[in-house]
Amino acid sequence: MLKIKLFPKGKKHQITFRIVVAEARSKYNGKFVADLGFVTPQTNTVQINREELAKWIKNGAQVTLGVDKILNPDKHVRPAKVKPVKEAKTEEVKEEVKVEETTQA
């Protein structure tokens, strides 16, 4: 089975990715069948040959999650984490303090 996946290139902290068609069980930087484009995360540059991509998808190649996130960024938006608001129980604390004062007198 063929997959369309990311192929890392470049140096540490300056990595770029090639978008390639490769065998599903091949190494992440192993042999590939076709080169469809590239992605540079530092500059948010994406260049893909859409015609070739459509041809490979039509022939049965599956898109991996990483490539799908690049092609459809709106589909993979993370929801913002919302912290629950804790209600302050100041009234209960005040009542406990008053109870303690009355027992001491």
N, C-alpha and C. Protein backbone atom coordinates (compact mmCIF):
# COMPACT_ATOMS: atom_id res chain seq x y z
N MET A 1 0.84 -1.17 0.00
CA MET A 1 0.00 0.00 0.00
C MET A 1 0.89 1.24 0.00
N LEU A 2 0.52 2.21 -0.81
CA LEU A 2 1.28 3.45 -0.90
C LEU A 2 0.66 4.52 -0.01
N LYS A 3 1.52 5.35 0.57
CA LYS A 3 1.06 6.46 1.39
C LYS A 3 1.77 7.73 0.96
N ILE A 4 1.08 8.84 1.14
CA ILE A 4 1.66 10.15 0.88
C ILE A 4 2.10 10.68 2.23
N LYS A 5 3.42 10.83 2.43
CA LYS A 5 3.93 11.18 3.74
C LYS A 5 5.06 12.19 3.68
N LEU A 6 5.47 12.63 4.86
CA LEU A 6 6.54 13.63 4.97
C LEU A 6 7.89 12.95 5.04
N PHE A 7 8.85 13.49 4.31
CA PHE A 7 10.21 12.98 4.25
C PHE A 7 11.13 14.09 4.76
N PRO A 8 11.73 13.92 5.96
CA PRO A 8 12.54 15.01 6.54
C PRO A 8 13.87 15.22 5.81
N LYS A 9 14.24 16.47 5.63
CA LYS A 9 15.52 16.85 5.02
C LYS A 9 16.08 18.02 5.81
N GLY A 10 17.37 18.27 5.68
CA GLY A 10 17.98 19.46 6.27
C GLY A 10 18.67 19.18 7.58
N LYS A 11 19.05 20.27 8.27
CA LYS A 11 19.79 20.20 9.53
C LYS A 11 18.84 20.28 10.71
N LYS A 12 19.40 20.03 11.89
CA LYS A 12 18.63 20.23 13.11
C LYS A 12 18.25 21.71 13.20
N HIS A 13 17.06 21.99 13.67
CA HIS A 13 16.53 23.35 13.84
C HIS A 13 16.36 24.10 12.51
N GLN A 14 16.64 23.44 11.38
CA GLN A 14 16.41 24.04 10.06
C GLN A 14 15.78 22.99 9.15
N ILE A 15 14.90 22.18 9.72
CA ILE A 15 14.37 21.03 8.99
C ILE A 15 13.32 21.47 7.97
N THR A 16 13.33 20.80 6.84
CA THR A 16 12.28 20.95 5.85
C THR A 16 11.75 19.55 5.56
N PHE A 17 10.61 19.47 4.96
CA PHE A 17 9.99 18.18 4.66
C PHE A 17 9.64 18.12 3.18
N ARG A 18 9.93 17.00 2.54
CA ARG A 18 9.47 16.72 1.20
C ARG A 18 8.17 15.93 1.35
N ILE A 19 7.21 16.19 0.50
CA ILE A 19 5.97 15.41 0.48
C ILE A 19 6.14 14.37 -0.62
N VAL A 20 6.17 13.10 -0.22
CA VAL A 20 6.50 12.02 -1.15
C VAL A 20 5.46 10.91 -1.10
N VAL A 21 5.46 10.10 -2.14
CA VAL A 21 4.65 8.89 -2.19
C VAL A 21 5.61 7.74 -1.94
N ALA A 22 5.36 6.96 -0.88
CA ALA A 22 6.26 5.87 -0.52
C ALA A 22 5.45 4.68 -0.04
N GLU A 23 6.10 3.54 0.01
CA GLU A 23 5.47 2.34 0.56
C GLU A 23 5.13 2.60 2.02
N ALA A 24 4.01 2.10 2.49
CA ALA A 24 3.54 2.39 3.84
C ALA A 24 4.51 1.91 4.90
N ARG A 25 5.18 0.80 4.67
CA ARG A 25 6.06 0.22 5.68
C ARG A 25 7.53 0.61 5.49
N SER A 26 7.80 1.56 4.61
CA SER A 26 9.19 1.99 4.40
C SER A 26 9.62 2.91 5.53
N LYS A 27 10.93 3.09 5.67
CA LYS A 27 11.46 3.99 6.69
C LYS A 27 10.98 5.40 6.42
N TYR A 28 10.96 6.21 7.46
CA TYR A 28 10.45 7.57 7.29
C TYR A 28 11.33 8.39 6.36
N ASN A 29 12.60 8.00 6.21
CA ASN A 29 13.48 8.69 5.27
C ASN A 29 14.08 7.71 4.27
N GLY A 30 13.31 6.70 3.90
CA GLY A 30 13.77 5.68 2.97
C GLY A 30 13.42 6.01 1.53
N LYS A 31 13.39 4.96 0.70
CA LYS A 31 13.09 5.15 -0.72
C LYS A 31 11.65 5.61 -0.91
N PHE A 32 11.43 6.38 -1.96
CA PHE A 32 10.08 6.83 -2.29
C PHE A 32 9.84 6.71 -3.78
N VAL A 33 8.58 6.71 -4.16
CA VAL A 33 8.18 6.51 -5.55
C VAL A 33 8.12 7.84 -6.30
N ALA A 34 7.51 8.85 -5.68
CA ALA A 34 7.35 10.14 -6.36
C ALA A 34 7.49 11.26 -5.35
N ASP A 35 7.96 12.40 -5.84
CA ASP A 35 8.13 13.61 -5.02
C ASP A 35 7.06 14.61 -5.43
N LEU A 36 6.21 15.03 -4.49
CA LEU A 36 5.08 15.89 -4.82
C LEU A 36 5.28 17.36 -4.45
N GLY A 37 6.23 17.65 -3.57
CA GLY A 37 6.44 19.04 -3.17
C GLY A 37 7.23 19.12 -1.88
N PHE A 38 7.17 20.28 -1.23
CA PHE A 38 7.92 20.46 0.02
C PHE A 38 7.19 21.38 0.97
N VAL A 39 7.61 21.32 2.25
CA VAL A 39 7.06 22.16 3.31
C VAL A 39 8.24 22.68 4.12
N THR A 40 8.26 23.99 4.38
CA THR A 40 9.26 24.59 5.25
C THR A 40 8.54 25.20 6.44
N PRO A 41 8.59 24.58 7.62
CA PRO A 41 7.84 25.07 8.78
C PRO A 41 8.31 26.44 9.28
N GLN A 42 9.60 26.76 9.15
CA GLN A 42 10.11 28.03 9.67
C GLN A 42 9.49 29.22 8.96
N THR A 43 9.26 29.10 7.66
CA THR A 43 8.70 30.20 6.90
C THR A 43 7.25 29.95 6.48
N ASN A 44 6.67 28.85 6.94
CA ASN A 44 5.31 28.45 6.58
C ASN A 44 5.10 28.40 5.07
N THR A 45 6.11 27.88 4.36
CA THR A 45 6.05 27.74 2.91
C THR A 45 5.59 26.33 2.55
N VAL A 46 4.58 26.25 1.70
CA VAL A 46 4.08 24.96 1.23
C VAL A 46 3.97 25.03 -0.28
N GLN A 47 4.63 24.08 -0.96
CA GLN A 47 4.52 24.00 -2.40
C GLN A 47 4.22 22.56 -2.76
N ILE A 48 3.04 22.33 -3.35
CA ILE A 48 2.60 20.97 -3.68
C ILE A 48 2.10 20.96 -5.12
N ASN A 49 2.44 19.92 -5.85
CA ASN A 49 1.89 19.71 -7.18
C ASN A 49 0.53 19.04 -6.99
N ARG A 50 -0.54 19.85 -7.03
CA ARG A 50 -1.91 19.37 -6.74
C ARG A 50 -2.39 18.33 -7.77
N GLU A 51 -1.97 18.47 -9.01
CA GLU A 51 -2.39 17.52 -10.04
C GLU A 51 -1.82 16.13 -9.75
N GLU A 52 -0.54 16.08 -9.42
CA GLU A 52 0.09 14.79 -9.09
C GLU A 52 -0.51 14.21 -7.82
N LEU A 53 -0.78 15.06 -6.84
CA LEU A 53 -1.39 14.61 -5.58
C LEU A 53 -2.75 13.98 -5.86
N ALA A 54 -3.57 14.64 -6.66
CA ALA A 54 -4.89 14.11 -6.99
C ALA A 54 -4.78 12.78 -7.74
N LYS A 55 -3.79 12.69 -8.63
CA LYS A 55 -3.59 11.45 -9.40
C LYS A 55 -3.24 10.29 -8.47
N TRP A 56 -2.34 10.52 -7.50
CA TRP A 56 -1.95 9.45 -6.60
C TRP A 56 -3.08 9.06 -5.66
N ILE A 57 -3.86 10.03 -5.21
CA ILE A 57 -5.00 9.72 -4.34
C ILE A 57 -6.04 8.93 -5.13
N LYS A 58 -6.26 9.29 -6.39
CA LYS A 58 -7.20 8.56 -7.24
C LYS A 58 -6.75 7.12 -7.46
N ASN A 59 -5.43 6.91 -7.52
CA ASN A 59 -4.89 5.56 -7.73
C ASN A 59 -4.81 4.75 -6.44
N GLY A 60 -5.21 5.33 -5.30
CA GLY A 60 -5.30 4.53 -4.08
C GLY A 60 -4.29 4.87 -3.01
N ALA A 61 -3.44 5.84 -3.21
CA ALA A 61 -2.48 6.22 -2.16
C ALA A 61 -3.23 6.93 -1.04
N GLN A 62 -2.89 6.60 0.20
CA GLN A 62 -3.54 7.22 1.35
C GLN A 62 -2.68 8.34 1.92
N VAL A 63 -3.33 9.38 2.40
CA VAL A 63 -2.64 10.53 2.97
C VAL A 63 -2.43 10.29 4.46
N THR A 64 -1.21 10.52 4.96
CA THR A 64 -0.96 10.36 6.39
C THR A 64 -1.49 11.58 7.15
N LEU A 65 -1.53 11.46 8.47
CA LEU A 65 -2.08 12.52 9.31
C LEU A 65 -1.27 13.81 9.18
N GLY A 66 0.05 13.71 9.13
CA GLY A 66 0.90 14.90 9.01
C GLY A 66 0.64 15.67 7.73
N VAL A 67 0.51 14.97 6.63
CA VAL A 67 0.25 15.63 5.35
C VAL A 67 -1.18 16.17 5.34
N ASP A 68 -2.11 15.44 5.94
CA ASP A 68 -3.50 15.90 5.98
C ASP A 68 -3.62 17.19 6.78
N LYS A 69 -2.83 17.34 7.84
CA LYS A 69 -2.84 18.57 8.63
C LYS A 69 -2.32 19.75 7.80
N ILE A 70 -1.39 19.49 6.90
CA ILE A 70 -0.85 20.55 6.04
C ILE A 70 -1.86 20.91 4.95
N LEU A 71 -2.52 19.91 4.38
CA LEU A 71 -3.47 20.16 3.30
C LEU A 71 -4.77 20.76 3.80
N ASN A 72 -5.24 20.34 4.99
CA ASN A 72 -6.51 20.81 5.54
C ASN A 72 -6.31 21.35 6.96
N PRO A 73 -5.71 22.53 7.13
CA PRO A 73 -5.43 23.02 8.47
C PRO A 73 -6.69 23.34 9.28
N ASP A 74 -7.79 23.70 8.61
CA ASP A 74 -9.03 24.02 9.33
C ASP A 74 -9.67 22.78 9.94
N LYS A 75 -9.43 21.65 9.34
CA LYS A 75 -10.01 20.39 9.81
C LYS A 75 -9.38 19.91 11.12
N HIS A 76 -8.13 20.30 11.36
CA HIS A 76 -7.37 19.80 12.51
C HIS A 76 -7.06 20.89 13.53
N VAL A 77 -8.00 21.78 13.78
CA VAL A 77 -7.78 22.85 14.74
C VAL A 77 -8.03 22.31 16.14
N ARG A 78 -7.09 22.55 17.03
CA ARG A 78 -7.25 22.11 18.42
C ARG A 78 -8.16 23.08 19.16
N PRO A 79 -9.09 22.55 19.94
CA PRO A 79 -9.91 23.47 20.74
C PRO A 79 -9.08 24.06 21.88
N ALA A 80 -9.37 25.29 22.21
CA ALA A 80 -8.62 25.95 23.28
C ALA A 80 -8.98 25.33 24.61
N LYS A 81 -8.00 25.17 25.47
CA LYS A 81 -8.25 24.60 26.78
C LYS A 81 -8.90 25.67 27.66
N VAL A 82 -10.01 25.31 28.24
CA VAL A 82 -10.75 26.24 29.10
C VAL A 82 -10.65 25.70 30.52
N LYS A 83 -10.10 26.51 31.39
CA LYS A 83 -9.99 26.09 32.78
C LYS A 83 -11.31 26.36 33.49
N PRO A 84 -11.80 25.38 34.26
CA PRO A 84 -13.05 25.61 34.96
C PRO A 84 -12.86 26.66 36.06
N VAL A 85 -13.85 27.50 36.21
CA VAL A 85 -13.79 28.57 37.21
C VAL A 85 -14.24 27.99 38.54
N LYS A 86 -13.40 28.10 39.53
CA LYS A 86 -13.75 27.60 40.86
C LYS A 86 -14.42 28.73 41.64
N GLU A 87 -15.55 28.39 42.20
CA GLU A 87 -16.27 29.39 42.98
C GLU A 87 -15.66 29.49 44.37
N ALA A 88 -15.50 30.69 44.81
CA ALA A 88 -14.93 30.90 46.14
C ALA A 88 -16.01 30.63 47.19
N LYS A 89 -15.66 29.90 48.23
CA LYS A 89 -16.61 29.57 49.28
C LYS A 89 -16.31 30.44 50.50
N THR A 90 -16.36 31.72 50.30
CA THR A 90 -16.01 32.65 51.38
C THR A 90 -17.09 32.69 52.45
N GLU A 91 -18.34 32.52 52.08
CA GLU A 91 -19.41 32.57 53.07
C GLU A 91 -19.29 31.43 54.07
N GLU A 92 -18.96 30.23 53.58
CA GLU A 92 -18.82 29.08 54.47
C GLU A 92 -17.64 29.27 55.42
N VAL A 93 -16.57 29.84 54.91
CA VAL A 93 -15.39 30.08 55.74
C VAL A 93 -15.72 31.09 56.83
N LYS A 94 -16.45 32.15 56.51
CA LYS A 94 -16.82 33.17 57.49
C LYS A 94 -17.71 32.57 58.57
N GLU A 95 -18.64 31.69 58.18
CA GLU A 95 -19.52 31.07 59.16
C GLU A 95 -18.74 30.20 60.12
N GLU A 96 -17.75 29.45 59.61
CA GLU A 96 -16.93 28.59 60.46
C GLU A 96 -16.13 29.43 61.45
N VAL A 97 -15.64 30.56 61.02
CA VAL A 97 -14.86 31.44 61.91
C VAL A 97 -15.76 31.97 63.01
N LYS A 98 -16.99 32.37 62.69
CA LYS A 98 -17.92 32.87 63.69
C LYS A 98 -18.28 31.80 64.70
N VAL A 99 -18.42 30.58 64.24
CA VAL A 99 -18.77 29.48 65.15
C VAL A 99 -17.63 29.24 66.12
N GLU A 100 -16.41 29.29 65.68
CA GLU A 100 -15.27 29.08 66.55
C GLU A 100 -15.15 30.18 67.57
N GLU A 101 -15.45 31.41 67.19
CA GLU A 101 -15.35 32.54 68.14
C GLU A 101 -16.38 32.41 69.24
N THR A 102 -17.56 31.96 68.94
CA THR A 102 -18.60 31.87 69.96
C THR A 102 -18.31 30.74 70.96
N THR A 103 -17.64 29.68 70.52
CA THR A 103 -17.36 28.59 71.44
C THR A 103 -16.26 28.97 72.42
N GLN A 104 -15.37 29.85 72.05
CA GLN A 104 -14.28 30.23 72.95
C GLN A 104 -14.76 31.18 74.06
N ALA A 105 -15.78 31.94 73.86
CA ALA A 105 -16.23 32.94 74.84
C ALA A 105 -16.97 32.37 75.99
